[in-house]
N, C-alpha and C. Protein backbone atom coordinates (compact mmCIF):
# COMPACT_ATOMS: atom_id res chain seq x y z
N UNK A 1 0.87 -1.18 0.00
CA UNK A 1 0.00 0.00 0.00
C UNK A 1 0.90 1.22 0.00
N UNK A 2 0.48 2.27 -0.78
CA UNK A 2 1.32 3.49 -0.88
C UNK A 2 1.00 4.43 0.25
N UNK A 3 2.07 5.07 0.88
CA UNK A 3 1.90 6.01 2.00
C UNK A 3 1.92 7.42 1.45
N UNK A 4 0.70 8.08 1.47
CA UNK A 4 0.59 9.45 0.93
C UNK A 4 0.83 10.52 1.99
N UNK A 5 1.27 10.21 3.17
CA UNK A 5 1.49 11.20 4.23
C UNK A 5 2.65 12.09 3.84
N UNK A 6 2.41 13.45 3.93
CA UNK A 6 3.47 14.41 3.56
C UNK A 6 4.62 14.32 4.52
N UNK A 7 5.76 14.24 3.93
CA UNK A 7 6.97 14.17 4.74
C UNK A 7 7.80 15.44 4.54
N UNK A 8 8.37 15.96 5.61
CA UNK A 8 9.22 17.17 5.54
C UNK A 8 10.58 16.78 5.03
N UNK A 9 11.09 17.53 4.07
CA UNK A 9 12.43 17.21 3.59
C UNK A 9 13.43 17.31 4.73
N UNK A 10 14.47 16.54 4.54
CA UNK A 10 15.48 16.50 5.61
C UNK A 10 16.19 17.85 5.76
N UNK A 11 16.41 18.60 4.64
CA UNK A 11 17.15 19.88 4.70
C UNK A 11 16.25 21.08 4.94
N UNK A 12 14.93 20.92 5.08
CA UNK A 12 14.02 22.07 5.29
C UNK A 12 14.21 22.64 6.68
N UNK A 13 14.15 24.01 6.84
CA UNK A 13 14.33 24.64 8.16
C UNK A 13 13.18 24.31 9.07
N UNK A 14 13.48 24.31 10.31
CA UNK A 14 12.46 23.98 11.30
C UNK A 14 11.50 25.14 11.44
N UNK A 15 10.26 24.85 11.63
CA UNK A 15 9.24 25.89 11.79
C UNK A 15 9.45 26.62 13.11
N UNK A 16 9.29 28.00 13.08
CA UNK A 16 9.51 28.76 14.32
C UNK A 16 8.45 28.42 15.35
N UNK A 17 8.88 28.52 16.56
CA UNK A 17 7.94 28.25 17.65
C UNK A 17 6.93 29.37 17.75
N UNK A 18 5.74 29.09 18.00
CA UNK A 18 4.67 30.09 18.15
C UNK A 18 4.91 30.89 19.42
N UNK A 19 4.80 32.27 19.35
CA UNK A 19 5.02 33.07 20.57
C UNK A 19 3.97 32.74 21.60
N UNK A 20 4.45 32.85 22.82
CA UNK A 20 3.51 32.57 23.89
C UNK A 20 2.56 33.76 24.09
N UNK A 21 1.55 33.57 24.88
CA UNK A 21 0.52 34.61 25.06
C UNK A 21 1.07 35.85 25.73
N UNK A 22 2.00 35.73 26.67
CA UNK A 22 2.54 36.89 27.40
C UNK A 22 3.35 37.78 26.50
N UNK A 23 4.18 37.20 25.62
CA UNK A 23 4.99 38.00 24.69
C UNK A 23 4.12 38.71 23.67
N UNK A 24 3.08 38.06 23.21
CA UNK A 24 2.18 38.71 22.24
C UNK A 24 1.44 39.88 22.84
N UNK A 25 1.10 39.80 24.12
CA UNK A 25 0.40 40.91 24.77
C UNK A 25 1.32 42.07 25.07
N UNK A 26 2.60 41.83 25.28
CA UNK A 26 3.54 42.90 25.63
C UNK A 26 3.92 43.74 24.42
N UNK A 27 3.86 43.21 23.22
CA UNK A 27 4.29 43.93 22.04
C UNK A 27 3.44 45.17 21.75
N UNK A 28 2.11 45.14 21.76
CA UNK A 28 1.31 46.36 21.52
C UNK A 28 1.55 47.43 22.56
N UNK A 29 1.74 47.06 23.83
CA UNK A 29 2.00 48.06 24.86
C UNK A 29 3.32 48.77 24.60
N UNK A 30 4.33 48.02 24.16
CA UNK A 30 5.62 48.64 23.87
C UNK A 30 5.50 49.62 22.72
N UNK A 31 4.76 49.28 21.67
CA UNK A 31 4.56 50.16 20.54
C UNK A 31 3.79 51.42 20.95
N UNK A 32 2.78 51.28 21.78
CA UNK A 32 2.02 52.44 22.25
C UNK A 32 2.90 53.39 23.07
N UNK A 33 3.77 52.82 23.88
CA UNK A 33 4.68 53.65 24.68
C UNK A 33 5.62 54.44 23.79
N UNK A 34 6.12 53.79 22.74
CA UNK A 34 7.01 54.48 21.82
C UNK A 34 6.29 55.61 21.09
N UNK A 35 5.05 55.32 20.67
CA UNK A 35 4.27 56.35 19.98
C UNK A 35 3.97 57.53 20.91
N UNK A 36 3.63 57.23 22.17
CA UNK A 36 3.35 58.30 23.13
C UNK A 36 4.59 59.14 23.39
N UNK A 37 5.73 58.49 23.49
CA UNK A 37 6.98 59.21 23.71
C UNK A 37 7.32 60.09 22.51
N UNK A 38 7.08 59.55 21.30
CA UNK A 38 7.33 60.34 20.09
C UNK A 38 6.42 61.55 20.02
N UNK A 39 5.13 61.34 20.36
CA UNK A 39 4.19 62.46 20.34
C UNK A 39 4.59 63.53 21.35
N UNK A 40 5.03 63.10 22.53
CA UNK A 40 5.46 64.05 23.55
C UNK A 40 6.68 64.83 23.09
N UNK A 41 7.63 64.14 22.45
CA UNK A 41 8.83 64.81 21.95
C UNK A 41 8.48 65.83 20.87
N UNK A 42 7.60 65.43 19.95
CA UNK A 42 7.19 66.35 18.89
C UNK A 42 6.45 67.56 19.45
N UNK A 43 5.60 67.33 20.45
CA UNK A 43 4.87 68.44 21.07
C UNK A 43 5.84 69.41 21.75
N UNK A 44 6.84 68.87 22.44
CA UNK A 44 7.82 69.72 23.11
C UNK A 44 8.64 70.52 22.09
N UNK A 45 9.06 69.88 21.02
CA UNK A 45 9.82 70.58 19.99
C UNK A 45 8.95 71.64 19.31
N UNK A 46 7.68 71.33 19.11
CA UNK A 46 6.77 72.30 18.50
C UNK A 46 6.61 73.53 19.40
N UNK A 47 6.48 73.31 20.70
CA UNK A 47 6.35 74.43 21.64
C UNK A 47 7.63 75.27 21.65
N UNK A 48 8.79 74.60 21.62
CA UNK A 48 10.06 75.34 21.61
C UNK A 48 10.20 76.15 20.33
N UNK A 49 9.83 75.55 19.20
CA UNK A 49 9.92 76.28 17.92
C UNK A 49 8.95 77.46 17.89
N UNK A 50 7.76 77.26 18.46
CA UNK A 50 6.79 78.35 18.50
C UNK A 50 7.30 79.49 19.38
N UNK A 51 7.87 79.15 20.53
CA UNK A 51 8.40 80.19 21.41
C UNK A 51 9.56 80.92 20.74
N UNK A 52 10.41 80.17 20.04
CA UNK A 52 11.54 80.78 19.33
C UNK A 52 11.04 81.70 18.22
N UNK A 53 9.99 81.28 17.53
CA UNK A 53 9.43 82.11 16.47
C UNK A 53 8.83 83.40 17.03
N UNK A 54 8.10 83.28 18.14
CA UNK A 54 7.49 84.47 18.74
C UNK A 54 8.56 85.44 19.22
N UNK A 55 9.63 84.92 19.79
CA UNK A 55 10.73 85.80 20.24
C UNK A 55 11.38 86.51 19.05
N UNK A 56 11.57 85.77 17.98
CA UNK A 56 12.18 86.37 16.78
C UNK A 56 11.29 87.46 16.20
N UNK A 57 9.97 87.19 16.14
CA UNK A 57 9.04 88.20 15.63
C UNK A 57 9.02 89.44 16.51
N UNK A 58 9.08 89.23 17.84
CA UNK A 58 9.09 90.37 18.75
C UNK A 58 10.36 91.20 18.57
N UNK A 59 11.51 90.53 18.41
CA UNK A 59 12.76 91.25 18.19
C UNK A 59 12.73 92.02 16.88
N UNK A 60 12.16 91.41 15.84
CA UNK A 60 12.06 92.10 14.55
C UNK A 60 11.14 93.31 14.65
N UNK A 61 10.05 93.19 15.41
CA UNK A 61 9.14 94.32 15.58
C UNK A 61 9.80 95.45 16.36
N UNK A 62 10.55 95.09 17.41
CA UNK A 62 11.27 96.11 18.17
C UNK A 62 12.33 96.79 17.30
N UNK A 63 13.01 96.00 16.47
CA UNK A 63 14.01 96.58 15.57
C UNK A 63 13.36 97.52 14.57
N UNK A 64 12.18 97.13 14.05
CA UNK A 64 11.49 97.99 13.09
C UNK A 64 11.08 99.31 13.73
N UNK A 65 10.52 99.24 14.95
CA UNK A 65 10.11 100.46 15.63
C UNK A 65 11.30 101.34 15.96
N UNK A 66 12.40 100.72 16.41
CA UNK A 66 13.58 101.50 16.74
C UNK A 66 14.17 102.18 15.50
N UNK A 67 14.15 101.46 14.39
CA UNK A 67 14.66 102.04 13.15
C UNK A 67 13.78 103.19 12.69
N UNK A 68 12.47 103.02 12.77
CA UNK A 68 11.56 104.10 12.39
C UNK A 68 11.76 105.32 13.28
N UNK A 69 11.97 105.08 14.59
CA UNK A 69 12.18 106.20 15.51
C UNK A 69 13.49 106.93 15.20
N UNK A 70 14.53 106.16 14.90
CA UNK A 70 15.82 106.78 14.59
C UNK A 70 15.75 107.57 13.29
N UNK A 71 15.05 107.02 12.30
CA UNK A 71 14.91 107.74 11.02
C UNK A 71 14.10 109.02 11.23
N UNK A 72 13.02 108.93 12.04
CA UNK A 72 12.21 110.11 12.31
C UNK A 72 13.02 111.17 13.06
N UNK A 73 13.80 110.74 14.06
CA UNK A 73 14.63 111.69 14.80
C UNK A 73 15.68 112.33 13.89
N UNK A 74 16.23 111.52 12.98
CA UNK A 74 17.23 112.07 12.08
C UNK A 74 16.62 113.11 11.16
N UNK A 75 15.40 112.85 10.69
CA UNK A 75 14.74 113.83 9.83
C UNK A 75 14.39 115.10 10.58
N UNK A 76 13.96 114.94 11.84
CA UNK A 76 13.48 116.10 12.59
C UNK A 76 14.61 116.87 13.25
N UNK A 77 15.60 116.16 13.78
CA UNK A 77 16.64 116.83 14.56
C UNK A 77 17.99 116.87 13.85
N UNK A 78 18.04 116.34 12.61
CA UNK A 78 19.31 116.32 11.90
C UNK A 78 19.80 117.72 11.53
N UNK A 79 18.88 118.70 11.47
CA UNK A 79 19.25 120.06 11.09
C UNK A 79 19.48 120.94 12.31
N UNK A 80 19.59 120.34 13.49
CA UNK A 80 19.68 121.14 14.71
C UNK A 80 20.90 122.07 14.68
N UNK A 81 22.05 121.54 14.27
CA UNK A 81 23.26 122.37 14.24
C UNK A 81 23.11 123.50 13.22
N UNK A 82 22.58 123.18 12.06
CA UNK A 82 22.38 124.21 11.04
C UNK A 82 21.38 125.25 11.52
N UNK A 83 20.26 124.79 12.10
CA UNK A 83 19.24 125.73 12.58
C UNK A 83 19.80 126.63 13.67
N UNK A 84 20.64 126.08 14.54
CA UNK A 84 21.23 126.89 15.61
C UNK A 84 22.11 128.00 15.04
N UNK A 85 22.79 127.71 13.95
CA UNK A 85 23.61 128.75 13.31
C UNK A 85 22.74 129.80 12.63
N UNK A 86 21.62 129.37 12.05
CA UNK A 86 20.73 130.31 11.37
C UNK A 86 20.07 131.25 12.38
N UNK A 87 19.90 130.78 13.62
CA UNK A 87 19.27 131.64 14.63
C UNK A 87 20.08 132.91 14.87
N UNK A 88 21.39 132.82 14.70
CA UNK A 88 22.22 134.01 14.88
C UNK A 88 21.84 135.07 13.85
N UNK A 89 21.51 134.66 12.64
CA UNK A 89 21.08 135.61 11.61
C UNK A 89 19.75 136.24 12.00
N UNK A 90 18.83 135.40 12.49
CA UNK A 90 17.53 135.93 12.92
C UNK A 90 17.69 136.91 14.08
N UNK A 91 18.59 136.61 15.01
CA UNK A 91 18.82 137.52 16.14
C UNK A 91 19.35 138.86 15.67
N UNK A 92 20.29 138.84 14.73
CA UNK A 92 20.87 140.10 14.23
C UNK A 92 19.82 140.93 13.51
N UNK A 93 18.95 140.29 12.77
CA UNK A 93 17.90 141.04 12.07
C UNK A 93 16.93 141.64 13.08
N UNK A 94 16.62 140.88 14.13
CA UNK A 94 15.71 141.41 15.15
C UNK A 94 16.33 142.59 15.88
N UNK A 95 17.61 142.49 16.20
CA UNK A 95 18.29 143.61 16.88
C UNK A 95 18.32 144.85 15.99
N UNK A 96 18.54 144.63 14.70
CA UNK A 96 18.58 145.78 13.78
C UNK A 96 17.24 146.48 13.74
N UNK A 97 16.15 145.71 13.77
CA UNK A 97 14.83 146.32 13.74
C UNK A 97 14.49 147.00 15.06
N UNK A 98 14.94 146.41 16.17
CA UNK A 98 14.64 147.00 17.48
C UNK A 98 15.47 148.26 17.74
N UNK A 99 16.57 148.43 17.00
CA UNK A 99 17.40 149.61 17.21
C UNK A 99 16.71 150.90 16.77
N UNK A 100 15.73 150.76 15.90
CA UNK A 100 14.99 151.93 15.41
C UNK A 100 13.60 151.92 16.02
N UNK A 101 13.31 152.95 16.80
CA UNK A 101 11.99 153.02 17.40
C UNK A 101 11.00 153.60 16.40
N UNK A 102 9.74 153.69 16.81
CA UNK A 102 8.69 154.16 15.90
C UNK A 102 8.92 155.60 15.45
N UNK A 103 9.47 156.44 16.33
CA UNK A 103 9.68 157.85 15.98
C UNK A 103 10.72 157.99 14.88
N UNK A 104 11.81 157.21 14.99
CA UNK A 104 12.84 157.27 13.96
C UNK A 104 12.33 156.73 12.62
N UNK A 105 11.48 155.72 12.70
CA UNK A 105 10.94 155.18 11.45
C UNK A 105 10.06 156.20 10.74
N UNK A 106 9.28 156.91 11.53
CA UNK A 106 8.41 157.91 10.93
C UNK A 106 9.23 159.04 10.30
N UNK A 107 10.36 159.37 10.92
CA UNK A 107 11.19 160.47 10.41
C UNK A 107 12.09 160.04 9.26
N UNK A 108 12.21 158.76 9.01
CA UNK A 108 13.10 158.26 7.96
C UNK A 108 12.51 158.57 6.59
N UNK A 109 13.40 158.68 5.62
CA UNK A 109 12.96 158.95 4.26
C UNK A 109 12.38 157.67 3.63
N UNK A 110 11.67 157.78 2.53
CA UNK A 110 11.02 156.60 1.92
C UNK A 110 11.99 155.46 1.61
N UNK A 111 13.20 155.78 1.23
CA UNK A 111 14.16 154.73 0.89
C UNK A 111 14.50 153.88 2.12
N UNK A 112 14.70 154.55 3.26
CA UNK A 112 15.00 153.84 4.49
C UNK A 112 13.81 153.01 4.95
N UNK A 113 12.61 153.58 4.82
CA UNK A 113 11.41 152.84 5.20
C UNK A 113 11.25 151.58 4.34
N UNK A 114 11.54 151.70 3.07
CA UNK A 114 11.47 150.54 2.18
C UNK A 114 12.48 149.48 2.59
N UNK A 115 13.67 149.94 2.98
CA UNK A 115 14.70 149.00 3.44
C UNK A 115 14.27 148.29 4.71
N UNK A 116 13.68 149.02 5.64
CA UNK A 116 13.21 148.41 6.89
C UNK A 116 12.08 147.42 6.62
N UNK A 117 11.18 147.78 5.71
CA UNK A 117 10.11 146.85 5.36
C UNK A 117 10.68 145.56 4.77
N UNK A 118 11.73 145.71 3.97
CA UNK A 118 12.36 144.54 3.38
C UNK A 118 13.02 143.66 4.44
N UNK A 119 13.64 144.29 5.44
CA UNK A 119 14.27 143.52 6.53
C UNK A 119 13.21 142.78 7.33
N UNK A 120 12.09 143.46 7.62
CA UNK A 120 11.01 142.80 8.37
C UNK A 120 10.43 141.63 7.58
N UNK A 121 10.26 141.82 6.29
CA UNK A 121 9.74 140.74 5.45
C UNK A 121 10.71 139.55 5.43
N UNK A 122 11.99 139.84 5.33
CA UNK A 122 13.00 138.77 5.33
C UNK A 122 13.00 138.01 6.65
N UNK A 123 12.82 138.76 7.76
CA UNK A 123 12.78 138.10 9.06
C UNK A 123 11.57 137.18 9.17
N UNK A 124 10.42 137.65 8.71
CA UNK A 124 9.21 136.81 8.77
C UNK A 124 9.37 135.56 7.91
N UNK A 125 9.94 135.71 6.72
CA UNK A 125 10.15 134.55 5.84
C UNK A 125 11.14 133.57 6.45
N UNK A 126 12.16 134.10 7.12
CA UNK A 126 13.14 133.22 7.76
C UNK A 126 12.49 132.41 8.87
N UNK A 127 11.64 133.05 9.66
CA UNK A 127 10.95 132.33 10.74
C UNK A 127 9.98 131.30 10.17
N UNK A 128 9.34 131.62 9.03
CA UNK A 128 8.43 130.66 8.40
C UNK A 128 9.20 129.42 7.92
N UNK A 129 10.37 129.65 7.34
CA UNK A 129 11.18 128.52 6.86
C UNK A 129 11.63 127.66 8.03
N UNK A 130 12.05 128.30 9.12
CA UNK A 130 12.47 127.54 10.30
C UNK A 130 11.31 126.74 10.87
N UNK A 131 10.13 127.38 10.93
CA UNK A 131 8.95 126.68 11.46
C UNK A 131 8.54 125.53 10.55
N UNK A 132 8.74 125.69 9.26
CA UNK A 132 8.43 124.61 8.32
C UNK A 132 9.26 123.37 8.61
N UNK A 133 10.45 123.55 9.13
CA UNK A 133 11.34 122.43 9.45
C UNK A 133 11.32 122.09 10.95
N UNK A 134 10.27 122.52 11.64
CA UNK A 134 10.08 122.11 13.03
C UNK A 134 10.70 123.02 14.06
N UNK A 135 11.25 124.16 13.66
CA UNK A 135 11.89 125.09 14.59
C UNK A 135 10.89 126.21 14.90
N UNK A 136 10.51 126.31 16.16
CA UNK A 136 9.51 127.30 16.56
C UNK A 136 10.08 128.24 17.62
N UNK A 137 9.73 129.49 17.48
CA UNK A 137 10.20 130.53 18.41
C UNK A 137 9.22 130.65 19.57
N UNK A 138 9.77 130.81 20.77
CA UNK A 138 8.92 131.09 21.92
C UNK A 138 9.58 132.20 22.75
N UNK A 139 8.76 133.04 23.31
CA UNK A 139 9.27 134.18 24.07
C UNK A 139 8.46 134.30 25.36
N UNK A 140 9.08 134.08 26.51
CA UNK A 140 8.35 134.18 27.77
C UNK A 140 7.89 135.62 28.01
N UNK A 141 6.85 135.72 28.83
CA UNK A 141 6.32 137.03 29.18
C UNK A 141 6.78 137.43 30.57
N UNK A 142 6.78 138.71 30.80
CA UNK A 142 7.15 139.24 32.10
C UNK A 142 6.16 138.74 33.15
N UNK A 143 6.68 138.18 34.22
CA UNK A 143 5.85 137.64 35.27
C UNK A 143 5.69 136.13 35.20
N UNK A 144 6.12 135.52 34.09
CA UNK A 144 6.07 134.06 34.00
C UNK A 144 7.03 133.44 35.01
N UNK A 145 6.65 132.28 35.52
CA UNK A 145 7.52 131.59 36.47
C UNK A 145 8.76 131.08 35.75
N UNK A 146 9.92 131.28 36.37
CA UNK A 146 11.17 130.83 35.77
C UNK A 146 11.18 129.31 35.67
N UNK A 147 11.45 128.81 34.46
CA UNK A 147 11.50 127.38 34.20
C UNK A 147 12.89 127.04 33.68
N UNK A 148 13.70 126.32 34.46
CA UNK A 148 15.06 126.00 34.00
C UNK A 148 15.09 125.14 32.75
N UNK A 149 13.97 124.49 32.42
CA UNK A 149 13.92 123.69 31.20
C UNK A 149 13.73 124.54 29.95
N UNK A 150 13.23 125.76 30.15
CA UNK A 150 12.97 126.64 29.02
C UNK A 150 13.79 127.92 29.06
N UNK A 151 14.19 128.34 30.25
CA UNK A 151 14.85 129.64 30.41
C UNK A 151 16.28 129.46 30.93
N UNK A 152 17.08 130.45 30.58
CA UNK A 152 18.44 130.54 31.13
C UNK A 152 18.58 131.90 31.80
N UNK A 153 18.82 131.88 33.11
CA UNK A 153 18.91 133.12 33.87
C UNK A 153 20.25 133.80 33.60
N UNK A 154 20.20 135.05 33.18
CA UNK A 154 21.41 135.82 32.91
C UNK A 154 21.81 136.69 34.10
N UNK A 155 20.82 137.16 34.84
CA UNK A 155 21.08 138.01 36.00
C UNK A 155 19.80 138.08 36.83
N UNK A 156 19.90 138.68 38.00
CA UNK A 156 18.76 138.89 38.88
C UNK A 156 18.46 140.38 38.98
N UNK A 157 17.18 140.70 38.99
CA UNK A 157 16.76 142.10 39.08
C UNK A 157 15.96 142.31 40.36
N UNK A 158 16.39 143.21 41.23
CA UNK A 158 15.57 143.52 42.40
C UNK A 158 14.31 144.27 41.97
N UNK A 159 13.18 143.61 42.10
CA UNK A 159 11.91 144.21 41.68
C UNK A 159 10.86 143.81 42.71
N UNK A 160 10.54 144.69 43.65
CA UNK A 160 9.57 144.33 44.69
C UNK A 160 8.14 144.18 44.17
N UNK A 161 7.89 144.59 42.92
CA UNK A 161 6.54 144.49 42.38
C UNK A 161 6.25 143.10 41.80
N UNK A 162 7.29 142.27 41.68
CA UNK A 162 7.11 140.94 41.10
C UNK A 162 7.54 139.87 42.09
N UNK A 163 6.86 138.74 42.08
CA UNK A 163 7.30 137.64 42.96
C UNK A 163 8.69 137.17 42.60
N UNK A 164 9.43 136.78 43.60
CA UNK A 164 10.77 136.27 43.36
C UNK A 164 10.69 134.98 42.55
N UNK A 165 11.66 134.83 41.64
CA UNK A 165 11.71 133.62 40.82
C UNK A 165 10.85 133.69 39.58
N UNK A 166 10.43 134.90 39.19
CA UNK A 166 9.66 135.05 37.96
C UNK A 166 10.48 135.83 36.94
N UNK A 167 10.06 135.77 35.70
CA UNK A 167 10.77 136.46 34.62
C UNK A 167 10.51 137.96 34.74
N UNK A 168 11.60 138.72 34.90
CA UNK A 168 11.48 140.18 35.00
C UNK A 168 11.81 140.87 33.69
N UNK A 169 12.65 140.22 32.86
CA UNK A 169 13.05 140.82 31.60
C UNK A 169 13.48 139.72 30.64
N UNK A 170 13.14 139.87 29.37
CA UNK A 170 13.52 138.91 28.33
C UNK A 170 14.66 139.50 27.52
N UNK A 171 15.80 138.84 27.56
CA UNK A 171 16.98 139.31 26.83
C UNK A 171 16.98 138.76 25.40
N UNK A 172 16.61 137.50 25.26
CA UNK A 172 16.65 136.86 23.95
C UNK A 172 15.60 135.75 23.90
N UNK A 173 14.82 135.66 22.84
CA UNK A 173 13.80 134.59 22.76
C UNK A 173 14.45 133.21 22.62
N UNK A 174 13.67 132.18 22.91
CA UNK A 174 14.16 130.82 22.78
C UNK A 174 13.54 130.13 21.58
N UNK A 175 14.08 128.95 21.26
CA UNK A 175 13.59 128.19 20.12
C UNK A 175 13.53 126.71 20.48
N UNK A 176 12.48 126.06 19.97
CA UNK A 176 12.32 124.62 20.11
C UNK A 176 12.44 123.99 18.74
N UNK A 177 12.95 122.77 18.69
CA UNK A 177 12.94 121.99 17.46
C UNK A 177 12.22 120.69 17.78
N UNK A 178 11.03 120.56 17.24
CA UNK A 178 10.19 119.43 17.62
C UNK A 178 9.80 119.55 19.09
N UNK A 179 10.11 118.53 19.86
CA UNK A 179 9.85 118.55 21.30
C UNK A 179 11.12 118.77 22.10
N UNK A 180 12.20 119.12 21.43
CA UNK A 180 13.48 119.32 22.12
C UNK A 180 13.84 120.80 22.15
N UNK A 181 14.64 121.14 23.14
CA UNK A 181 15.11 122.51 23.27
C UNK A 181 16.26 122.75 22.31
N UNK A 182 16.09 123.74 21.43
CA UNK A 182 17.18 124.14 20.54
C UNK A 182 18.02 125.23 21.18
N UNK A 183 17.34 126.20 21.78
CA UNK A 183 18.06 127.25 22.50
C UNK A 183 17.13 127.83 23.56
N UNK A 184 17.56 127.87 24.82
CA UNK A 184 16.70 128.43 25.86
C UNK A 184 16.57 129.94 25.72
N UNK A 185 15.49 130.48 26.26
CA UNK A 185 15.31 131.92 26.28
C UNK A 185 16.18 132.52 27.37
N UNK A 186 16.88 133.59 27.05
CA UNK A 186 17.72 134.29 28.02
C UNK A 186 16.87 135.34 28.74
N UNK A 187 16.83 135.25 30.06
CA UNK A 187 15.94 136.12 30.83
C UNK A 187 16.66 136.65 32.06
N UNK A 188 16.10 137.74 32.58
CA UNK A 188 16.48 138.25 33.88
C UNK A 188 15.40 137.85 34.88
N UNK A 189 15.83 137.42 36.06
CA UNK A 189 14.90 136.87 37.06
C UNK A 189 14.72 137.87 38.18
N UNK A 190 13.45 138.03 38.61
CA UNK A 190 13.14 138.96 39.69
C UNK A 190 13.70 138.42 41.01
N UNK A 191 14.17 139.34 41.85
CA UNK A 191 14.76 138.98 43.13
C UNK A 191 14.18 139.86 44.22
N UNK A 192 13.83 139.24 45.33
CA UNK A 192 13.41 140.00 46.50
C UNK A 192 11.99 140.49 46.45
N UNK A 193 11.18 139.99 45.54
CA UNK A 193 9.79 140.41 45.48
C UNK A 193 8.96 139.69 46.51
N UNK A 194 7.66 139.99 46.56
CA UNK A 194 6.79 139.33 47.54
C UNK A 194 6.65 137.85 47.23
N UNK A 195 6.59 137.07 48.27
CA UNK A 195 6.41 135.64 48.12
C UNK A 195 4.92 135.33 48.04
N UNK A 196 4.54 134.29 47.33
CA UNK A 196 3.12 133.92 47.28
C UNK A 196 2.59 133.57 48.66
N UNK A 197 1.34 133.94 48.92
CA UNK A 197 0.74 133.66 50.22
C UNK A 197 0.61 132.16 50.41
N UNK A 198 0.92 131.65 51.61
CA UNK A 198 0.79 130.19 51.82
C UNK A 198 -0.66 129.76 51.76
N UNK A 199 -0.84 128.57 51.25
CA UNK A 199 -2.21 128.03 51.12
C UNK A 199 -2.77 127.72 52.48
N UNK A 200 -4.07 128.02 52.69
CA UNK A 200 -4.74 127.75 53.96
C UNK A 200 -5.32 126.34 53.91
N UNK A 201 -4.79 125.48 54.79
CA UNK A 201 -5.24 124.07 54.79
C UNK A 201 -6.69 123.94 55.25
N UNK A 202 -7.16 124.87 56.11
CA UNK A 202 -8.53 124.80 56.63
C UNK A 202 -9.26 126.07 56.25
N UNK A 203 -9.92 126.08 55.09
CA UNK A 203 -10.55 127.34 54.63
C UNK A 203 -11.71 127.77 55.51
N UNK A 204 -12.25 126.88 56.34
CA UNK A 204 -13.40 127.26 57.15
C UNK A 204 -12.98 127.98 58.44
N UNK A 205 -11.69 127.87 58.83
CA UNK A 205 -11.26 128.50 60.07
C UNK A 205 -11.12 129.99 59.88
N UNK A 206 -11.49 130.83 60.85
CA UNK A 206 -11.41 132.28 60.69
C UNK A 206 -9.96 132.73 60.69
N UNK A 207 -9.66 133.89 60.09
CA UNK A 207 -8.29 134.40 60.06
C UNK A 207 -7.79 134.62 61.51
N UNK A 208 -6.51 134.24 61.69
CA UNK A 208 -5.90 134.44 62.98
C UNK A 208 -6.19 133.34 63.97
N UNK A 209 -7.03 132.37 63.59
CA UNK A 209 -7.32 131.26 64.51
C UNK A 209 -6.11 130.35 64.59
N UNK A 210 -5.87 129.80 65.80
CA UNK A 210 -4.72 128.94 66.00
C UNK A 210 -5.00 127.60 65.37
């Protein structure tokens, strides 16, 4: 009788042993742990990259604002030295006009009057050009409180009619360029005048009450 039972060749490799139940159950858990670790790593790197990007954008914005401010300051204050030199011309023209009072102007001949009108017109045009470039003239009034940020004291004047520490005389007007001081106003400051009355803390109390 012929034997049809399949026989394994002698040189065929042995079949691998089937994994046991414990090893098969441990494999999915290991894969899940690796995936969770990878997700955590990617999330951390994403957060770091986002923080780095935000910092870079903030630095670029600060650089842009600083550059704009520097360009604006250069445009506005770049002519400060030139404007300060031009002020000397304006001062000389003003002194020339102040040297002639109204009586002398009336007595002057037409040619001199025309010359004075031309000087006044030139002075006004010069001030307009300076103001066009941000240079503005300011002149304190008599009795204004002395401000060291705007005024430069040249001398003190004993004037009992004015409070001490106020402007008694204006020697030379001042000029601003933008929000900065180009040249302070030269003034004389009152000395020895009456002091302001002290404020009464209790307005309801009668005068002389202790």
